[in-house]
PDB file of all heavy atoms in Angstrom:
ATOM      1  N   ALA A   1     -27.690 -15.452  42.173  1.00  0.00           N
ATOM      2  CA  ALA A   1     -28.925 -16.225  41.946  1.00  0.00           C
ATOM      3  C   ALA A   1     -29.300 -16.158  40.501  1.00  0.00           C
ATOM      4  O   ALA A   1     -30.102 -17.059  40.083  1.00  0.00           O
ATOM      5  CB  ALA A   1     -30.006 -15.606  42.853  1.00  0.00           C
ATOM      6  N   CYS A   2     -28.938 -15.242  39.842  1.00  0.00           N
ATOM      7  CA  CYS A   2     -29.221 -15.131  38.344  1.00  0.00           C
ATOM      8  C   CYS A   2     -28.164 -15.710  37.424  1.00  0.00           C
ATOM      9  O   CYS A   2     -28.127 -15.482  36.204  1.00  0.00           O
ATOM     10  CB  CYS A   2     -29.497 -13.636  37.954  1.00  0.00           C
ATOM     11  SG  CYS A   2     -30.883 -12.891  38.744  1.00  0.00           S
ATOM     12  N   GLY A   3     -27.186 -16.435  38.106  1.00  0.00           N
ATOM     13  CA  GLY A   3     -26.075 -17.061  37.344  1.00  0.00           C
ATOM     14  C   GLY A   3     -25.060 -16.119  36.858  1.00  0.00           C
ATOM     15  O   GLY A   3     -24.308 -16.357  35.882  1.00  0.00           O
ATOM     16  N   LEU A   4     -24.998 -14.919  37.513  1.00  0.00           N
ATOM     17  CA  LEU A   4     -23.996 -13.906  37.071  1.00  0.00           C
ATOM     18  C   LEU A   4     -22.818 -13.855  38.015  1.00  0.00           C
ATOM     19  O   LEU A   4     -23.088 -13.805  39.247  1.00  0.00           O
ATOM     20  CB  LEU A   4     -24.722 -12.569  36.986  1.00  0.00           C
ATOM     21  CG  LEU A   4     -25.960 -12.487  36.081  1.00  0.00           C
ATOM     22  CD1 LEU A   4     -26.617 -11.152  36.252  1.00  0.00           C
ATOM     23  CD2 LEU A   4     -25.549 -12.632  34.618  1.00  0.00           C
ATOM     24  N   ALA A   5     -21.664 -13.756  37.520  1.00  0.00           N
ATOM     25  CA  ALA A   5     -20.471 -13.584  38.319  1.00  0.00           C
ATOM     26  C   ALA A   5     -20.434 -12.301  39.004  1.00  0.00           C
ATOM     27  O   ALA A   5     -21.006 -11.318  38.494  1.00  0.00           O
ATOM     28  CB  ALA A   5     -19.174 -13.856  37.533  1.00  0.00           C
ATOM     29  N   CYS A   6     -19.999 -12.263  40.231  1.00  0.00           N
ATOM     30  CA  CYS A   6     -19.830 -11.011  40.914  1.00  0.00           C
ATOM     31  C   CYS A   6     -18.831 -11.135  42.088  1.00  0.00           C
ATOM     32  O   CYS A   6     -18.939 -12.001  42.912  1.00  0.00           O
ATOM     33  CB  CYS A   6     -21.299 -10.630  41.512  1.00  0.00           C
ATOM     34  SG  CYS A   6     -21.370  -9.041  42.333  1.00  0.00           S
ATOM     35  N   PRO A   7     -17.790 -10.288  42.108  1.00  0.00           N
ATOM     36  CA  PRO A   7     -16.945 -10.188  43.353  1.00  0.00           C
ATOM     37  C   PRO A   7     -17.589  -9.753  44.465  1.00  0.00           C
ATOM     38  O   PRO A   7     -18.880  -9.352  44.516  1.00  0.00           O
ATOM     39  CB  PRO A   7     -15.945  -9.279  42.842  1.00  0.00           C
ATOM     40  CG  PRO A   7     -16.481  -8.325  41.787  1.00  0.00           C
ATOM     41  CD  PRO A   7     -17.561  -9.190  41.175  1.00  0.00           C
ATOM     42  N   ARG A   8     -16.979  -9.748  45.644  1.00  0.00           N
ATOM     43  CA  ARG A   8     -17.573  -9.617  46.942  1.00  0.00           C
ATOM     44  C   ARG A   8     -17.656  -8.189  47.419  1.00  0.00           C
ATOM     45  O   ARG A   8     -18.807  -7.770  47.881  1.00  0.00           O
ATOM     46  CB  ARG A   8     -16.749 -10.363  48.086  1.00  0.00           C
ATOM     47  CG  ARG A   8     -17.279 -10.226  49.476  1.00  0.00           C
ATOM     48  CD  ARG A   8     -18.648 -10.619  49.677  1.00  0.00           C
ATOM     49  NE  ARG A   8     -19.169 -10.527  51.012  1.00  0.00           N
ATOM     50  CZ  ARG A   8     -19.653  -9.399  51.530  1.00  0.00           C
ATOM     51  NH1 ARG A   8     -19.856  -8.385  50.851  1.00  0.00           N
ATOM     52  NH2 ARG A   8     -20.056  -9.397  52.802  1.00  0.00           N
ATOM     53  N   ASP A   9     -16.637  -7.359  47.307  1.00  0.00           N
ATOM     54  CA  ASP A   9     -16.700  -5.994  47.771  1.00  0.00           C
ATOM     55  C   ASP A   9     -17.104  -4.947  46.742  1.00  0.00           C
ATOM     56  O   ASP A   9     -17.018  -5.173  45.596  1.00  0.00           O
ATOM     57  CB  ASP A   9     -15.353  -5.677  48.369  1.00  0.00           C
ATOM     58  CG  ASP A   9     -14.921  -6.523  49.502  1.00  0.00           C
ATOM     59  OD1 ASP A   9     -15.879  -7.059  50.136  1.00  0.00           O
ATOM     60  OD2 ASP A   9     -13.707  -6.543  49.838  1.00  0.00           O
ATOM     61  N   SER A  10     -17.765  -3.767  47.230  1.00  0.00           N
ATOM     62  CA  SER A  10     -18.206  -2.841  46.344  1.00  0.00           C
ATOM     63  C   SER A  10     -17.226  -2.353  45.364  1.00  0.00           C
ATOM     64  O   SER A  10     -17.503  -2.039  44.183  1.00  0.00           O
ATOM     65  CB  SER A  10     -19.024  -1.754  47.033  1.00  0.00           C
ATOM     66  OG  SER A  10     -18.042  -1.043  47.957  1.00  0.00           O
ATOM     67  N   ASP A  11     -16.065  -2.065  45.835  1.00  0.00           N
ATOM     68  CA  ASP A  11     -14.963  -1.599  44.969  1.00  0.00           C
ATOM     69  C   ASP A  11     -14.550  -2.480  43.862  1.00  0.00           C
ATOM     70  O   ASP A  11     -14.394  -2.159  42.651  1.00  0.00           O
ATOM     71  CB  ASP A  11     -13.748  -1.079  45.724  1.00  0.00           C
ATOM     72  CG  ASP A  11     -12.974  -2.202  46.383  1.00  0.00           C
ATOM     73  OD1 ASP A  11     -13.625  -3.069  47.066  1.00  0.00           O
ATOM     74  OD2 ASP A  11     -11.777  -2.320  46.275  1.00  0.00           O
ATOM     75  N   MET A  12     -14.650  -3.752  44.146  1.00  0.00           N
ATOM     76  CA  MET A  12     -14.379  -4.769  43.150  1.00  0.00           C
ATOM     77  C   MET A  12     -15.521  -4.856  42.231  1.00  0.00           C
ATOM     78  O   MET A  12     -15.269  -5.002  40.926  1.00  0.00           O
ATOM     79  CB  MET A  12     -14.317  -6.234  43.886  1.00  0.00           C
ATOM     80  CG  MET A  12     -13.139  -6.357  44.892  1.00  0.00           C
ATOM     81  SD  MET A  12     -13.327  -8.181  45.586  1.00  0.00           S
ATOM     82  CE  MET A  12     -11.950  -7.958  46.770  1.00  0.00           C
ATOM     83  N   GLN A  13     -16.704  -4.763  42.661  1.00  0.00           N
ATOM     84  CA  GLN A  13     -17.933  -4.798  41.773  1.00  0.00           C
ATOM     85  C   GLN A  13     -17.934  -3.674  40.819  1.00  0.00           C
ATOM     86  O   GLN A  13     -18.182  -3.668  39.699  1.00  0.00           O
ATOM     87  CB  GLN A  13     -19.201  -4.748  42.645  1.00  0.00           C
ATOM     88  CG  GLN A  13     -19.411  -6.029  43.491  1.00  0.00           C
ATOM     89  CD  GLN A  13     -20.468  -5.877  44.467  1.00  0.00           C
ATOM     90  OE1 GLN A  13     -21.156  -4.966  44.627  1.00  0.00           O
ATOM     91  NE2 GLN A  13     -20.763  -6.983  45.209  1.00  0.00           N
ATOM     92  N   GLU A  14     -17.515  -2.471  41.375  1.00  0.00           N
ATOM     93  CA  GLU A  14     -17.530  -1.324  40.543  1.00  0.00           C
ATOM     94  C   GLU A  14     -16.506  -1.457  39.451  1.00  0.00           C
ATOM     95  O   GLU A  14     -16.645  -0.869  38.381  1.00  0.00           O
ATOM     96  CB  GLU A  14     -17.128  -0.073  41.382  1.00  0.00           C
ATOM     97  CG  GLU A  14     -17.170   1.350  40.745  1.00  0.00           C
ATOM     98  CD  GLU A  14     -16.845   2.486  41.661  1.00  0.00           C
ATOM     99  OE1 GLU A  14     -16.381   2.207  42.745  1.00  0.00           O
ATOM    100  OE2 GLU A  14     -17.138   3.566  41.297  1.00  0.00           O
ATOM    101  N   GLY A  15     -15.408  -2.126  39.649  1.00  0.00           N
ATOM    102  CA  GLY A  15     -14.416  -2.343  38.641  1.00  0.00           C
ATOM    103  C   GLY A  15     -14.631  -3.507  37.716  1.00  0.00           C
ATOM    104  O   GLY A  15     -14.001  -3.441  36.635  1.00  0.00           O
ATOM    105  N   ALA A  16     -15.391  -4.511  38.180  1.00  0.00           N
ATOM    106  CA  ALA A  16     -15.411  -5.801  37.526  1.00  0.00           C
ATOM    107  C   ALA A  16     -16.734  -6.139  36.760  1.00  0.00           C
ATOM    108  O   ALA A  16     -16.805  -6.869  35.817  1.00  0.00           O
ATOM    109  CB  ALA A  16     -15.051  -6.877  38.315  1.00  0.00           C
ATOM    110  N   VAL A  17     -17.979  -5.583  37.332  1.00  0.00           N
ATOM    111  CA  VAL A  17     -19.224  -6.005  36.686  1.00  0.00           C
ATOM    112  C   VAL A  17     -19.346  -5.398  35.405  1.00  0.00           C
ATOM    113  O   VAL A  17     -19.130  -4.232  35.122  1.00  0.00           O
ATOM    114  CB  VAL A  17     -20.346  -5.413  37.593  1.00  0.00           C
ATOM    115  CG1 VAL A  17     -21.694  -5.569  36.856  1.00  0.00           C
ATOM    116  CG2 VAL A  17     -20.387  -6.113  38.943  1.00  0.00           C
ATOM    117  N   PRO A  18     -19.497  -6.274  34.367  1.00  0.00           N
ATOM    118  CA  PRO A  18     -19.568  -5.846  32.993  1.00  0.00           C
ATOM    119  C   PRO A  18     -20.892  -5.060  32.665  1.00  0.00           C
ATOM    120  O   PRO A  18     -21.968  -5.456  33.210  1.00  0.00           O
ATOM    121  CB  PRO A  18     -19.448  -7.132  32.114  1.00  0.00           C
ATOM    122  CG  PRO A  18     -20.076  -8.168  33.080  1.00  0.00           C
ATOM    123  CD  PRO A  18     -19.635  -7.746  34.379  1.00  0.00           C
ATOM    124  N   GLY A  19     -20.774  -4.218  31.843  1.00  0.00           N
ATOM    125  CA  GLY A  19     -22.066  -3.295  31.372  1.00  0.00           C
ATOM    126  C   GLY A  19     -21.643  -1.982  30.891  1.00  0.00           C
ATOM    127  O   GLY A  19     -20.560  -1.495  30.821  1.00  0.00           O
ATOM    128  N   GLU A  20     -22.710  -1.170  30.639  1.00  0.00           N
ATOM    129  CA  GLU A  20     -22.596   0.063  30.167  1.00  0.00           C
ATOM    130  C   GLU A  20     -22.354   1.127  31.387  1.00  0.00           C
ATOM    131  O   GLU A  20     -23.038   0.958  32.421  1.00  0.00           O
ATOM    132  CB  GLU A  20     -23.925   0.586  29.490  1.00  0.00           C
ATOM    133  CG  GLU A  20     -23.858   1.979  28.930  1.00  0.00           C
ATOM    134  CD  GLU A  20     -25.143   2.435  28.239  1.00  0.00           C
ATOM    135  OE1 GLU A  20     -26.061   1.403  28.170  1.00  0.00           O
ATOM    136  OE2 GLU A  20     -25.325   3.491  27.870  1.00  0.00           O
ATOM    137  N   ARG A  21     -21.401   2.042  31.204  1.00  0.00           N
ATOM    138  CA  ARG A  21     -21.118   2.964  32.187  1.00  0.00           C
ATOM    139  C   ARG A  21     -21.919   4.311  31.963  1.00  0.00           C
ATOM    140  O   ARG A  21     -21.677   4.871  30.923  1.00  0.00           O
ATOM    141  CB  ARG A  21     -19.603   3.281  32.255  1.00  0.00           C
ATOM    142  CG  ARG A  21     -18.713   2.086  32.461  1.00  0.00           C
ATOM    143  CD  ARG A  21     -18.667   1.626  33.899  1.00  0.00           C
ATOM    144  NE  ARG A  21     -18.218   0.241  34.075  1.00  0.00           N
ATOM    145  CZ  ARG A  21     -17.560  -0.226  35.139  1.00  0.00           C
ATOM    146  NH1 ARG A  21     -17.438   0.624  36.204  1.00  0.00           N
ATOM    147  NH2 ARG A  21     -17.194  -1.413  35.302  1.00  0.00           N
ATOM    148  N   LEU A  22     -22.750   4.644  32.861  1.00  0.00           N
ATOM    149  CA  LEU A  22     -23.554   5.792  32.736  1.00  0.00           C
ATOM    150  C   LEU A  22     -22.961   6.973  33.430  1.00  0.00           C
ATOM    151  O   LEU A  22     -22.233   6.946  34.431  1.00  0.00           O
ATOM    152  CB  LEU A  22     -25.006   5.561  33.204  1.00  0.00           C
ATOM    153  CG  LEU A  22     -25.787   4.339  32.695  1.00  0.00           C
ATOM    154  CD1 LEU A  22     -27.112   4.263  33.285  1.00  0.00           C
ATOM    155  CD2 LEU A  22     -25.853   4.400  31.148  1.00  0.00           C
ATOM    156  N   ASP A  23     -23.331   8.162  33.023  1.00  0.00           N
ATOM    157  CA  ASP A  23     -22.872   9.390  33.671  1.00  0.00           C
ATOM    158  C   ASP A  23     -23.497   9.627  35.024  1.00  0.00           C
ATOM    159  O   ASP A  23     -24.671   9.803  35.075  1.00  0.00           O
ATOM    160  CB  ASP A  23     -23.140  10.613  32.732  1.00  0.00           C
ATOM    161  CG  ASP A  23     -22.636  11.927  33.289  1.00  0.00           C
ATOM    162  OD1 ASP A  23     -21.942  11.901  34.374  1.00  0.00           O
ATOM    163  OD2 ASP A  23     -22.881  12.950  32.615  1.00  0.00           O
ATOM    164  N   PRO A  24     -22.753   9.621  36.073  1.00  0.00           N
ATOM    165  CA  PRO A  24     -23.392   9.812  37.496  1.00  0.00           C
ATOM    166  C   PRO A  24     -23.905  11.281  37.592  1.00  0.00           C
ATOM    167  O   PRO A  24     -24.717  11.470  38.590  1.00  0.00           O
ATOM    168  CB  PRO A  24     -22.169   9.557  38.291  1.00  0.00           C
ATOM    169  CG  PRO A  24     -20.967   9.797  37.572  1.00  0.00           C
ATOM    170  CD  PRO A  24     -21.238   9.442  36.258  1.00  0.00           C
ATOM    171  N   ALA A  25     -23.488  12.110  36.821  1.00  0.00           N
ATOM    172  CA  ALA A  25     -23.931  13.482  36.910  1.00  0.00           C
ATOM    173  C   ALA A  25     -25.130  13.724  36.071  1.00  0.00           C
ATOM    174  O   ALA A  25     -25.725  14.754  35.951  1.00  0.00           O
ATOM    175  CB  ALA A  25     -22.912  14.503  36.506  1.00  0.00           C
ATOM    176  N   GLY A  26     -25.656  12.628  35.270  1.00  0.00           N
ATOM    177  CA  GLY A  26     -26.776  12.767  34.339  1.00  0.00           C
ATOM    178  C   GLY A  26     -28.049  12.753  35.106  1.00  0.00           C
ATOM    179  O   GLY A  26     -28.070  12.510  36.258  1.00  0.00           O
ATOM    180  N   PRO A  27     -29.199  12.906  34.293  1.00  0.00           N
ATOM    181  CA  PRO A  27     -30.466  12.942  34.963  1.00  0.00           C
ATOM    182  C   PRO A  27     -30.911  11.560  35.531  1.00  0.00           C
ATOM    183  O   PRO A  27     -30.568  10.538  34.984  1.00  0.00           O
ATOM    184  CB  PRO A  27     -31.386  13.373  33.765  1.00  0.00           C
ATOM    185  CG  PRO A  27     -30.727  12.957  32.621  1.00  0.00           C
ATOM    186  CD  PRO A  27     -29.253  13.079  32.897  1.00  0.00           C
ATOM    187  N   LEU A  28     -31.588  11.617  36.594  1.00  0.00           N
ATOM    188  CA  LEU A  28     -32.180  10.257  37.156  1.00  0.00           C
ATOM    189  C   LEU A  28     -33.062   9.550  36.192  1.00  0.00           C
ATOM    190  O   LEU A  28     -33.305   8.462  36.395  1.00  0.00           O
ATOM    191  CB  LEU A  28     -32.890  10.602  38.577  1.00  0.00           C
ATOM    192  CG  LEU A  28     -31.986  11.124  39.670  1.00  0.00           C
ATOM    193  CD1 LEU A  28     -32.766  11.293  40.921  1.00  0.00           C
ATOM    194  CD2 LEU A  28     -30.697  10.332  39.895  1.00  0.00           C
ATOM    195  N   SER A  29     -33.600  10.305  35.280  1.00  0.00           N
ATOM    196  CA  SER A  29     -34.535   9.652  34.304  1.00  0.00           C
ATOM    197  C   SER A  29     -33.805   8.657  33.454  1.00  0.00           C
ATOM    198  O   SER A  29     -34.471   7.817  32.807  1.00  0.00           O
ATOM    199  CB  SER A  29     -35.209  10.717  33.334  1.00  0.00           C
ATOM    200  OG  SER A  29     -34.213  11.461  32.705  1.00  0.00           O
ATOM    201  N   GLN A  30     -32.441   8.728  33.427  1.00  0.00           N
ATOM    202  CA  GLN A  30     -31.644   7.749  32.587  1.00  0.00           C
ATOM    203  C   GLN A  30     -31.782   6.430  33.359  1.00  0.00           C
ATOM    204  O   GLN A  30     -31.329   5.281  32.651  1.00  0.00           O
ATOM    205  CB  GLN A  30     -30.336   8.241  32.423  1.00  0.00           C
ATOM    206  CG  GLN A  30     -29.444   8.161  33.730  1.00  0.00           C
ATOM    207  CD  GLN A  30     -27.965   8.482  33.563  1.00  0.00           C
ATOM    208  OE1 GLN A  30     -27.375   8.249  32.595  1.00  0.00           O
ATOM    209  NE2 GLN A  30     -27.460   9.346  34.486  1.00  0.00           N
ATOM    210  N   LEU A  31     -32.010   6.246  34.557  1.00  0.00           N
ATOM    211  CA  LEU A  31     -31.831   5.044  35.384  1.00  0.00           C
ATOM    212  C   LEU A  31     -33.008   4.102  35.054  1.00  0.00           C
ATOM    213  O   LEU A  31     -34.128   4.485  34.772  1.00  0.00           O
ATOM    214  CB  LEU A  31     -31.886   5.372  36.845  1.00  0.00           C
ATOM    215  CG  LEU A  31     -30.754   6.183  37.287  1.00  0.00           C
ATOM    216  CD1 LEU A  31     -30.799   6.517  38.770  1.00  0.00           C
ATOM    217  CD2 LEU A  31     -29.285   5.672  37.033  1.00  0.00           C
ATOM    218  N   ARG A  32     -32.793   2.795  35.175  1.00  0.00           N
ATOM    219  CA  ARG A  32     -33.757   1.762  35.063  1.00  0.00           C
ATOM    220  C   ARG A  32     -33.453   0.614  36.001  1.00  0.00           C
ATOM    221  O   ARG A  32     -32.311   0.427  36.580  1.00  0.00           O
ATOM    222  CB  ARG A  32     -33.890   1.305  33.615  1.00  0.00           C
ATOM    223  CG  ARG A  32     -32.821   0.390  33.096  1.00  0.00           C
ATOM    224  CD  ARG A  32     -33.013   0.162  31.560  1.00  0.00           C
ATOM    225  NE  ARG A  32     -32.056  -0.753  31.039  1.00  0.00           N
ATOM    226  CZ  ARG A  32     -31.689  -0.892  29.802  1.00  0.00           C
ATOM    227  NH1 ARG A  32     -32.283  -0.035  28.918  1.00  0.00           N
ATOM    228  NH2 ARG A  32     -30.825  -1.744  29.380  1.00  0.00           N
ATOM    229  N   ARG A  33     -34.557  -0.132  36.210  1.00  0.00           N
ATOM    230  CA  ARG A  33     -34.374  -1.318  37.068  1.00  0.00           C
ATOM    231  C   ARG A  33     -33.152  -2.202  36.840  1.00  0.00           C
ATOM    232  O   ARG A  33     -32.801  -2.538  35.749  1.00  0.00           O
ATOM    233  CB  ARG A  33     -35.705  -2.193  37.006  1.00  0.00           C
ATOM    234  CG  ARG A  33     -35.748  -3.337  37.961  1.00  0.00           C
ATOM    235  CD  ARG A  33     -37.194  -4.038  37.850  1.00  0.00           C
ATOM    236  NE  ARG A  33     -37.273  -5.170  38.680  1.00  0.00           N
ATOM    237  CZ  ARG A  33     -37.950  -5.104  39.887  1.00  0.00           C
ATOM    238  NH1 ARG A  33     -38.317  -3.953  40.350  1.00  0.00           N
ATOM    239  NH2 ARG A  33     -38.103  -6.179  40.599  1.00  0.00           N
TER     240      ARG A  33
END
């Protein structure tokens, strides 16, 4: 809806969506909308 490409399944999305990779063990305060 925002004009952004996106594959269908979550594993595909995890591997293909472009962007910054954050540390999953980091503090939740790093997260944003």
